[in-house]
Amino acid sequence: MENQDTVSLLRECNAGSKMAVSSLDEVLDKIQDSKMKSLLLESKEHHEKLGNEIHTLLLRHGSDEKDPNPIAKSMAWMKTNMKLSMDRCDATVADLLTDGCDMGIKSLHRYKNQYGQADHKSKDICDRLIDIEEELREGLHSYL
């Protein structure tokens, strides 16, 4: 029997990485600044790479992937499009993504605590995903 905390933590990390990629895809074509666009593309690549690693581990544990909560995804989409319809600038995108990073970091820490019996590898993946989010958040500060 697989450690259920391990599978649960991996599934939450999987959903988080998918949510991040979806959010980045939503705004990439709206970015004016080439350096900011590069930052977002690099972060998307890191999220996708880690997401692929998570997917492989879930398969090894005999589990399926977890998609982001459809309500959370819809709310994020609505907030993004509403704010950008009022002020379509890089600072608005940076603000939206910073909020998303903060929510992701908070959620990942909560899941890591909630699934405390997860194995070392899944906790490490969670920490790596937190690091990716923190790095993106820090990179966006100069665009706020």
N, C-alpha and C. Protein backbone atom coordinates (compact mmCIF):
# COMPACT_ATOMS: atom_id res chain seq x y z
N MET A 1 0.85 -1.19 0.00
CA MET A 1 0.00 0.00 0.00
C MET A 1 0.89 1.25 0.00
N GLU A 2 0.64 2.13 -0.93
CA GLU A 2 1.41 3.36 -1.03
C GLU A 2 1.03 4.30 0.11
N ASN A 3 1.97 5.10 0.51
CA ASN A 3 1.73 6.12 1.51
C ASN A 3 0.76 7.13 0.94
N GLN A 4 -0.45 7.22 1.52
CA GLN A 4 -1.49 8.10 0.98
C GLN A 4 -1.08 9.57 1.07
N ASP A 5 -0.33 9.96 2.11
CA ASP A 5 0.13 11.34 2.20
C ASP A 5 1.05 11.69 1.03
N THR A 6 1.88 10.75 0.63
CA THR A 6 2.78 10.98 -0.51
C THR A 6 1.98 11.25 -1.77
N VAL A 7 1.02 10.39 -2.04
CA VAL A 7 0.19 10.54 -3.24
C VAL A 7 -0.61 11.84 -3.18
N SER A 8 -1.18 12.13 -2.02
CA SER A 8 -1.98 13.36 -1.88
C SER A 8 -1.13 14.61 -2.10
N LEU A 9 0.06 14.64 -1.52
CA LEU A 9 0.93 15.80 -1.70
C LEU A 9 1.35 15.95 -3.16
N LEU A 10 1.69 14.84 -3.79
CA LEU A 10 2.06 14.90 -5.21
C LEU A 10 0.90 15.38 -6.07
N ARG A 11 -0.30 14.95 -5.76
CA ARG A 11 -1.48 15.37 -6.54
C ARG A 11 -1.73 16.87 -6.38
N GLU A 12 -1.54 17.38 -5.17
CA GLU A 12 -1.73 18.82 -4.96
C GLU A 12 -0.64 19.62 -5.68
N CYS A 13 0.59 19.13 -5.64
CA CYS A 13 1.67 19.79 -6.38
C CYS A 13 1.40 19.76 -7.87
N ASN A 14 0.86 18.66 -8.35
CA ASN A 14 0.51 18.53 -9.76
C ASN A 14 -0.54 19.56 -10.16
N ALA A 15 -1.57 19.69 -9.34
CA ALA A 15 -2.61 20.67 -9.62
C ALA A 15 -2.04 22.09 -9.57
N GLY A 16 -1.15 22.34 -8.62
CA GLY A 16 -0.53 23.66 -8.51
C GLY A 16 0.33 24.01 -9.71
N SER A 17 1.10 23.06 -10.18
CA SER A 17 1.95 23.34 -11.34
C SER A 17 1.10 23.57 -12.59
N LYS A 18 0.02 22.82 -12.73
CA LYS A 18 -0.89 23.03 -13.86
C LYS A 18 -1.56 24.40 -13.79
N MET A 19 -1.95 24.81 -12.59
CA MET A 19 -2.58 26.12 -12.42
C MET A 19 -1.60 27.23 -12.80
N ALA A 20 -0.36 27.08 -12.40
CA ALA A 20 0.66 28.08 -12.73
C ALA A 20 0.86 28.18 -14.24
N VAL A 21 0.98 27.04 -14.91
CA VAL A 21 1.17 27.05 -16.36
C VAL A 21 -0.03 27.69 -17.05
N SER A 22 -1.21 27.34 -16.60
CA SER A 22 -2.43 27.92 -17.18
C SER A 22 -2.46 29.43 -16.99
N SER A 23 -2.10 29.90 -15.81
CA SER A 23 -2.09 31.34 -15.53
C SER A 23 -1.06 32.07 -16.38
N LEU A 24 0.10 31.47 -16.51
CA LEU A 24 1.14 32.08 -17.34
C LEU A 24 0.72 32.12 -18.80
N ASP A 25 0.11 31.04 -19.28
CA ASP A 25 -0.38 31.02 -20.66
C ASP A 25 -1.42 32.12 -20.89
N GLU A 26 -2.23 32.37 -19.89
CA GLU A 26 -3.30 33.36 -19.98
C GLU A 26 -2.77 34.78 -20.23
N VAL A 27 -1.58 35.08 -19.71
CA VAL A 27 -1.08 36.46 -19.78
C VAL A 27 0.11 36.67 -20.71
N LEU A 28 0.74 35.62 -21.15
CA LEU A 28 1.98 35.78 -21.93
C LEU A 28 1.82 36.67 -23.16
N ASP A 29 0.71 36.57 -23.86
CA ASP A 29 0.55 37.38 -25.07
C ASP A 29 0.19 38.84 -24.77
N LYS A 30 0.03 39.15 -23.49
CA LYS A 30 -0.33 40.52 -23.11
C LYS A 30 0.88 41.32 -22.60
N ILE A 31 2.04 40.69 -22.53
CA ILE A 31 3.24 41.32 -21.98
C ILE A 31 3.92 42.18 -23.05
N GLN A 32 4.30 43.39 -22.66
CA GLN A 32 5.00 44.31 -23.55
C GLN A 32 6.51 44.18 -23.41
N ASP A 33 6.99 44.10 -22.17
CA ASP A 33 8.42 44.11 -21.87
C ASP A 33 9.06 42.76 -22.19
N SER A 34 10.11 42.77 -23.00
CA SER A 34 10.73 41.52 -23.44
C SER A 34 11.40 40.77 -22.28
N LYS A 35 11.98 41.50 -21.31
CA LYS A 35 12.60 40.83 -20.16
C LYS A 35 11.55 40.16 -19.28
N MET A 36 10.43 40.83 -19.12
CA MET A 36 9.35 40.23 -18.33
C MET A 36 8.81 38.99 -19.03
N LYS A 37 8.66 39.07 -20.33
CA LYS A 37 8.18 37.92 -21.09
C LYS A 37 9.15 36.74 -20.94
N SER A 38 10.45 37.02 -20.97
CA SER A 38 11.46 35.97 -20.79
C SER A 38 11.35 35.35 -19.40
N LEU A 39 11.15 36.19 -18.39
CA LEU A 39 10.97 35.71 -17.02
C LEU A 39 9.78 34.75 -16.94
N LEU A 40 8.68 35.13 -17.55
CA LEU A 40 7.48 34.29 -17.50
C LEU A 40 7.66 33.00 -18.29
N LEU A 41 8.30 33.08 -19.43
CA LEU A 41 8.56 31.88 -20.22
C LEU A 41 9.47 30.91 -19.48
N GLU A 42 10.48 31.45 -18.81
CA GLU A 42 11.40 30.61 -18.03
C GLU A 42 10.65 29.95 -16.87
N SER A 43 9.81 30.70 -16.21
CA SER A 43 9.05 30.14 -15.10
C SER A 43 8.08 29.06 -15.60
N LYS A 44 7.46 29.32 -16.72
CA LYS A 44 6.55 28.32 -17.30
C LYS A 44 7.31 27.03 -17.60
N GLU A 45 8.51 27.17 -18.16
CA GLU A 45 9.34 26.00 -18.46
C GLU A 45 9.67 25.22 -17.18
N HIS A 46 10.02 25.93 -16.12
CA HIS A 46 10.33 25.27 -14.84
C HIS A 46 9.10 24.54 -14.28
N HIS A 47 7.95 25.21 -14.36
CA HIS A 47 6.71 24.58 -13.89
C HIS A 47 6.38 23.31 -14.70
N GLU A 48 6.53 23.41 -16.01
CA GLU A 48 6.23 22.26 -16.87
C GLU A 48 7.19 21.11 -16.60
N LYS A 49 8.47 21.42 -16.46
CA LYS A 49 9.46 20.37 -16.20
C LYS A 49 9.17 19.66 -14.88
N LEU A 50 8.89 20.44 -13.84
CA LEU A 50 8.58 19.82 -12.55
C LEU A 50 7.24 19.09 -12.63
N GLY A 51 6.29 19.63 -13.37
CA GLY A 51 5.00 18.96 -13.56
C GLY A 51 5.18 17.60 -14.21
N ASN A 52 6.07 17.51 -15.18
CA ASN A 52 6.34 16.22 -15.83
C ASN A 52 6.94 15.22 -14.84
N GLU A 53 7.83 15.71 -13.99
CA GLU A 53 8.44 14.86 -12.97
C GLU A 53 7.38 14.36 -11.99
N ILE A 54 6.49 15.25 -11.60
CA ILE A 54 5.40 14.87 -10.68
C ILE A 54 4.50 13.83 -11.33
N HIS A 55 4.17 14.05 -12.60
CA HIS A 55 3.32 13.10 -13.33
C HIS A 55 3.94 11.71 -13.34
N THR A 56 5.24 11.64 -13.59
CA THR A 56 5.95 10.35 -13.59
C THR A 56 5.85 9.68 -12.22
N LEU A 57 6.06 10.45 -11.16
CA LEU A 57 5.97 9.88 -9.81
C LEU A 57 4.56 9.41 -9.49
N LEU A 58 3.57 10.16 -9.91
CA LEU A 58 2.18 9.73 -9.67
C LEU A 58 1.89 8.41 -10.38
N LEU A 59 2.38 8.27 -11.59
CA LEU A 59 2.20 7.01 -12.32
C LEU A 59 2.86 5.85 -11.58
N ARG A 60 4.06 6.09 -11.04
CA ARG A 60 4.76 5.05 -10.29
C ARG A 60 3.98 4.64 -9.04
N HIS A 61 3.26 5.60 -8.47
CA HIS A 61 2.45 5.31 -7.28
C HIS A 61 1.06 4.81 -7.64
N GLY A 62 0.80 4.63 -8.92
CA GLY A 62 -0.49 4.13 -9.35
C GLY A 62 -1.62 5.12 -9.21
N SER A 63 -1.29 6.39 -9.26
CA SER A 63 -2.31 7.42 -9.09
C SER A 63 -2.44 8.25 -10.36
N ASP A 64 -3.61 8.82 -10.51
CA ASP A 64 -3.83 9.71 -11.63
C ASP A 64 -3.45 11.13 -11.24
N GLU A 65 -3.45 12.01 -12.23
CA GLU A 65 -3.12 13.41 -11.98
C GLU A 65 -4.30 14.11 -11.33
N LYS A 66 -4.05 15.32 -10.86
CA LYS A 66 -5.12 16.14 -10.31
C LYS A 66 -5.12 17.46 -11.05
N ASP A 67 -6.27 17.81 -11.58
CA ASP A 67 -6.41 19.09 -12.24
C ASP A 67 -6.71 20.17 -11.20
N PRO A 68 -6.40 21.42 -11.53
CA PRO A 68 -6.73 22.50 -10.61
C PRO A 68 -8.25 22.55 -10.37
N ASN A 69 -8.63 23.05 -9.22
CA ASN A 69 -10.03 23.20 -8.88
C ASN A 69 -10.69 24.07 -9.96
N PRO A 70 -11.75 23.59 -10.62
CA PRO A 70 -12.35 24.35 -11.70
C PRO A 70 -12.91 25.71 -11.25
N ILE A 71 -13.39 25.79 -10.02
CA ILE A 71 -13.90 27.07 -9.52
C ILE A 71 -12.76 28.04 -9.34
N ALA A 72 -11.65 27.59 -8.74
CA ALA A 72 -10.49 28.45 -8.56
C ALA A 72 -9.93 28.90 -9.91
N LYS A 73 -9.90 28.00 -10.85
CA LYS A 73 -9.39 28.32 -12.18
C LYS A 73 -10.29 29.35 -12.86
N SER A 74 -11.58 29.18 -12.74
CA SER A 74 -12.53 30.13 -13.33
C SER A 74 -12.44 31.50 -12.68
N MET A 75 -12.32 31.51 -11.37
CA MET A 75 -12.21 32.78 -10.65
C MET A 75 -10.92 33.51 -11.05
N ALA A 76 -9.84 32.78 -11.18
CA ALA A 76 -8.58 33.39 -11.59
C ALA A 76 -8.70 33.96 -13.00
N TRP A 77 -9.35 33.22 -13.88
CA TRP A 77 -9.54 33.68 -15.26
C TRP A 77 -10.37 34.95 -15.29
N MET A 78 -11.46 34.97 -14.51
CA MET A 78 -12.33 36.16 -14.48
C MET A 78 -11.58 37.37 -13.91
N LYS A 79 -10.86 37.17 -12.82
CA LYS A 79 -10.10 38.27 -12.21
C LYS A 79 -9.07 38.81 -13.18
N THR A 80 -8.35 37.92 -13.84
CA THR A 80 -7.33 38.34 -14.80
C THR A 80 -7.95 39.16 -15.93
N ASN A 81 -8.99 38.63 -16.52
CA ASN A 81 -9.58 39.33 -17.67
C ASN A 81 -10.27 40.63 -17.28
N MET A 82 -10.87 40.68 -16.10
CA MET A 82 -11.51 41.90 -15.65
C MET A 82 -10.46 42.99 -15.40
N LYS A 83 -9.40 42.64 -14.67
CA LYS A 83 -8.36 43.64 -14.37
C LYS A 83 -7.65 44.10 -15.64
N LEU A 84 -7.38 43.17 -16.55
CA LEU A 84 -6.68 43.55 -17.77
C LEU A 84 -7.57 44.36 -18.72
N SER A 85 -8.88 44.18 -18.62
CA SER A 85 -9.77 44.99 -19.46
C SER A 85 -9.78 46.44 -18.99
N MET A 86 -9.50 46.67 -17.71
CA MET A 86 -9.46 48.02 -17.16
C MET A 86 -8.09 48.67 -17.32
N ASP A 87 -7.04 47.86 -17.24
CA ASP A 87 -5.67 48.40 -17.30
C ASP A 87 -4.75 47.33 -17.86
N ARG A 88 -4.57 47.36 -19.16
CA ARG A 88 -3.76 46.34 -19.84
C ARG A 88 -2.30 46.79 -19.89
N CYS A 89 -1.59 46.57 -18.78
CA CYS A 89 -0.18 46.93 -18.75
C CYS A 89 0.59 45.85 -17.99
N ASP A 90 1.89 45.89 -18.14
CA ASP A 90 2.74 44.88 -17.50
C ASP A 90 2.63 44.90 -15.98
N ALA A 91 2.44 46.09 -15.40
CA ALA A 91 2.31 46.18 -13.95
C ALA A 91 1.07 45.44 -13.45
N THR A 92 -0.01 45.49 -14.23
CA THR A 92 -1.23 44.77 -13.86
C THR A 92 -0.98 43.26 -13.90
N VAL A 93 -0.31 42.80 -14.93
CA VAL A 93 0.03 41.38 -15.04
C VAL A 93 0.93 40.97 -13.88
N ALA A 94 1.93 41.79 -13.57
CA ALA A 94 2.84 41.49 -12.46
C ALA A 94 2.07 41.41 -11.15
N ASP A 95 1.12 42.29 -10.95
CA ASP A 95 0.31 42.29 -9.74
C ASP A 95 -0.52 41.01 -9.65
N LEU A 96 -1.17 40.65 -10.73
CA LEU A 96 -1.99 39.43 -10.76
C LEU A 96 -1.14 38.19 -10.49
N LEU A 97 0.00 38.10 -11.16
CA LEU A 97 0.84 36.92 -10.99
C LEU A 97 1.47 36.86 -9.60
N THR A 98 1.80 38.01 -9.03
CA THR A 98 2.34 38.04 -7.67
C THR A 98 1.31 37.51 -6.69
N ASP A 99 0.05 37.93 -6.86
CA ASP A 99 -1.03 37.40 -6.01
C ASP A 99 -1.16 35.89 -6.18
N GLY A 100 -1.06 35.43 -7.42
CA GLY A 100 -1.14 33.99 -7.68
C GLY A 100 0.00 33.22 -7.04
N CYS A 101 1.19 33.77 -7.12
CA CYS A 101 2.35 33.13 -6.47
C CYS A 101 2.14 33.05 -4.96
N ASP A 102 1.66 34.15 -4.38
CA ASP A 102 1.42 34.16 -2.93
C ASP A 102 0.41 33.07 -2.54
N MET A 103 -0.67 32.96 -3.31
CA MET A 103 -1.67 31.93 -3.01
C MET A 103 -1.09 30.54 -3.18
N GLY A 104 -0.30 30.35 -4.23
CA GLY A 104 0.31 29.04 -4.46
C GLY A 104 1.28 28.66 -3.35
N ILE A 105 2.10 29.59 -2.95
CA ILE A 105 3.08 29.32 -1.88
C ILE A 105 2.36 28.97 -0.59
N LYS A 106 1.35 29.74 -0.26
CA LYS A 106 0.57 29.49 0.96
C LYS A 106 -0.08 28.10 0.91
N SER A 107 -0.69 27.77 -0.21
CA SER A 107 -1.34 26.47 -0.36
C SER A 107 -0.34 25.32 -0.26
N LEU A 108 0.79 25.47 -0.92
CA LEU A 108 1.80 24.40 -0.90
C LEU A 108 2.34 24.16 0.51
N HIS A 109 2.56 25.23 1.25
CA HIS A 109 2.99 25.06 2.64
C HIS A 109 1.91 24.35 3.47
N ARG A 110 0.67 24.73 3.24
CA ARG A 110 -0.44 24.09 3.96
C ARG A 110 -0.51 22.59 3.62
N TYR A 111 -0.39 22.25 2.35
CA TYR A 111 -0.44 20.84 1.95
C TYR A 111 0.75 20.06 2.51
N LYS A 112 1.91 20.69 2.51
CA LYS A 112 3.09 20.02 3.05
C LYS A 112 2.89 19.70 4.53
N ASN A 113 2.27 20.61 5.26
CA ASN A 113 1.96 20.36 6.67
C ASN A 113 0.84 19.34 6.83
N GLN A 114 -0.17 19.45 5.99
CA GLN A 114 -1.33 18.54 6.07
C GLN A 114 -0.93 17.10 5.78
N TYR A 115 -0.03 16.92 4.84
CA TYR A 115 0.41 15.58 4.45
C TYR A 115 1.81 15.32 4.99
N GLY A 116 1.95 15.46 6.28
CA GLY A 116 3.24 15.37 6.96
C GLY A 116 3.92 14.02 6.87
N GLN A 117 3.16 12.96 6.57
CA GLN A 117 3.75 11.63 6.46
C GLN A 117 4.21 11.30 5.04
N ALA A 118 4.16 12.30 4.16
CA ALA A 118 4.61 12.09 2.78
C ALA A 118 6.10 11.77 2.78
N ASP A 119 6.54 11.05 1.76
CA ASP A 119 7.96 10.69 1.70
C ASP A 119 8.83 11.90 1.36
N HIS A 120 10.13 11.71 1.57
CA HIS A 120 11.09 12.79 1.39
C HIS A 120 11.06 13.34 -0.03
N LYS A 121 10.94 12.47 -1.01
CA LYS A 121 10.98 12.90 -2.42
C LYS A 121 9.80 13.83 -2.75
N SER A 122 8.61 13.49 -2.26
CA SER A 122 7.45 14.34 -2.56
C SER A 122 7.55 15.67 -1.81
N LYS A 123 8.09 15.66 -0.59
CA LYS A 123 8.29 16.91 0.14
C LYS A 123 9.33 17.78 -0.57
N ASP A 124 10.35 17.15 -1.13
CA ASP A 124 11.37 17.88 -1.88
C ASP A 124 10.75 18.52 -3.12
N ILE A 125 9.90 17.80 -3.80
CA ILE A 125 9.23 18.35 -4.98
C ILE A 125 8.36 19.54 -4.58
N CYS A 126 7.66 19.42 -3.48
CA CYS A 126 6.84 20.52 -2.98
C CYS A 126 7.73 21.74 -2.71
N ASP A 127 8.86 21.53 -2.07
CA ASP A 127 9.80 22.63 -1.79
C ASP A 127 10.33 23.24 -3.08
N ARG A 128 10.59 22.42 -4.07
CA ARG A 128 11.08 22.93 -5.36
C ARG A 128 10.01 23.78 -6.05
N LEU A 129 8.77 23.35 -5.95
CA LEU A 129 7.68 24.12 -6.54
C LEU A 129 7.52 25.45 -5.81
N ILE A 130 7.64 25.42 -4.50
CA ILE A 130 7.61 26.67 -3.72
C ILE A 130 8.74 27.58 -4.16
N ASP A 131 9.93 27.02 -4.35
CA ASP A 131 11.07 27.82 -4.80
C ASP A 131 10.82 28.48 -6.16
N ILE A 132 10.21 27.74 -7.07
CA ILE A 132 9.89 28.28 -8.40
C ILE A 132 8.92 29.46 -8.25
N GLU A 133 7.92 29.29 -7.40
CA GLU A 133 6.94 30.36 -7.18
C GLU A 133 7.60 31.58 -6.53
N GLU A 134 8.47 31.35 -5.56
CA GLU A 134 9.14 32.46 -4.88
C GLU A 134 10.07 33.20 -5.84
N GLU A 135 10.74 32.46 -6.70
CA GLU A 135 11.64 33.07 -7.68
C GLU A 135 10.86 33.94 -8.66
N LEU A 136 9.72 33.45 -9.12
CA LEU A 136 8.89 34.24 -10.03
C LEU A 136 8.38 35.49 -9.32
N ARG A 137 7.89 35.32 -8.11
CA ARG A 137 7.38 36.47 -7.35
C ARG A 137 8.46 37.54 -7.18
N GLU A 138 9.67 37.12 -6.82
CA GLU A 138 10.76 38.07 -6.67
C GLU A 138 11.10 38.76 -8.00
N GLY A 139 11.09 38.00 -9.06
CA GLY A 139 11.39 38.57 -10.38
C GLY A 139 10.37 39.58 -10.85
N LEU A 140 9.14 39.43 -10.36
CA LEU A 140 8.07 40.34 -10.78
C LEU A 140 8.07 41.65 -10.01
N HIS A 141 8.77 41.72 -8.90
CA HIS A 141 8.74 42.91 -8.05
C HIS A 141 9.12 44.19 -8.81
N SER A 142 10.07 44.09 -9.71
CA SER A 142 10.51 45.29 -10.43
C SER A 142 9.47 45.78 -11.45
N TYR A 143 8.42 44.99 -11.70
CA TYR A 143 7.39 45.38 -12.66
C TYR A 143 6.13 45.91 -12.00
N LEU A 144 6.09 45.86 -10.67
CA LEU A 144 4.91 46.33 -9.95
C LEU A 144 4.81 47.85 -9.95
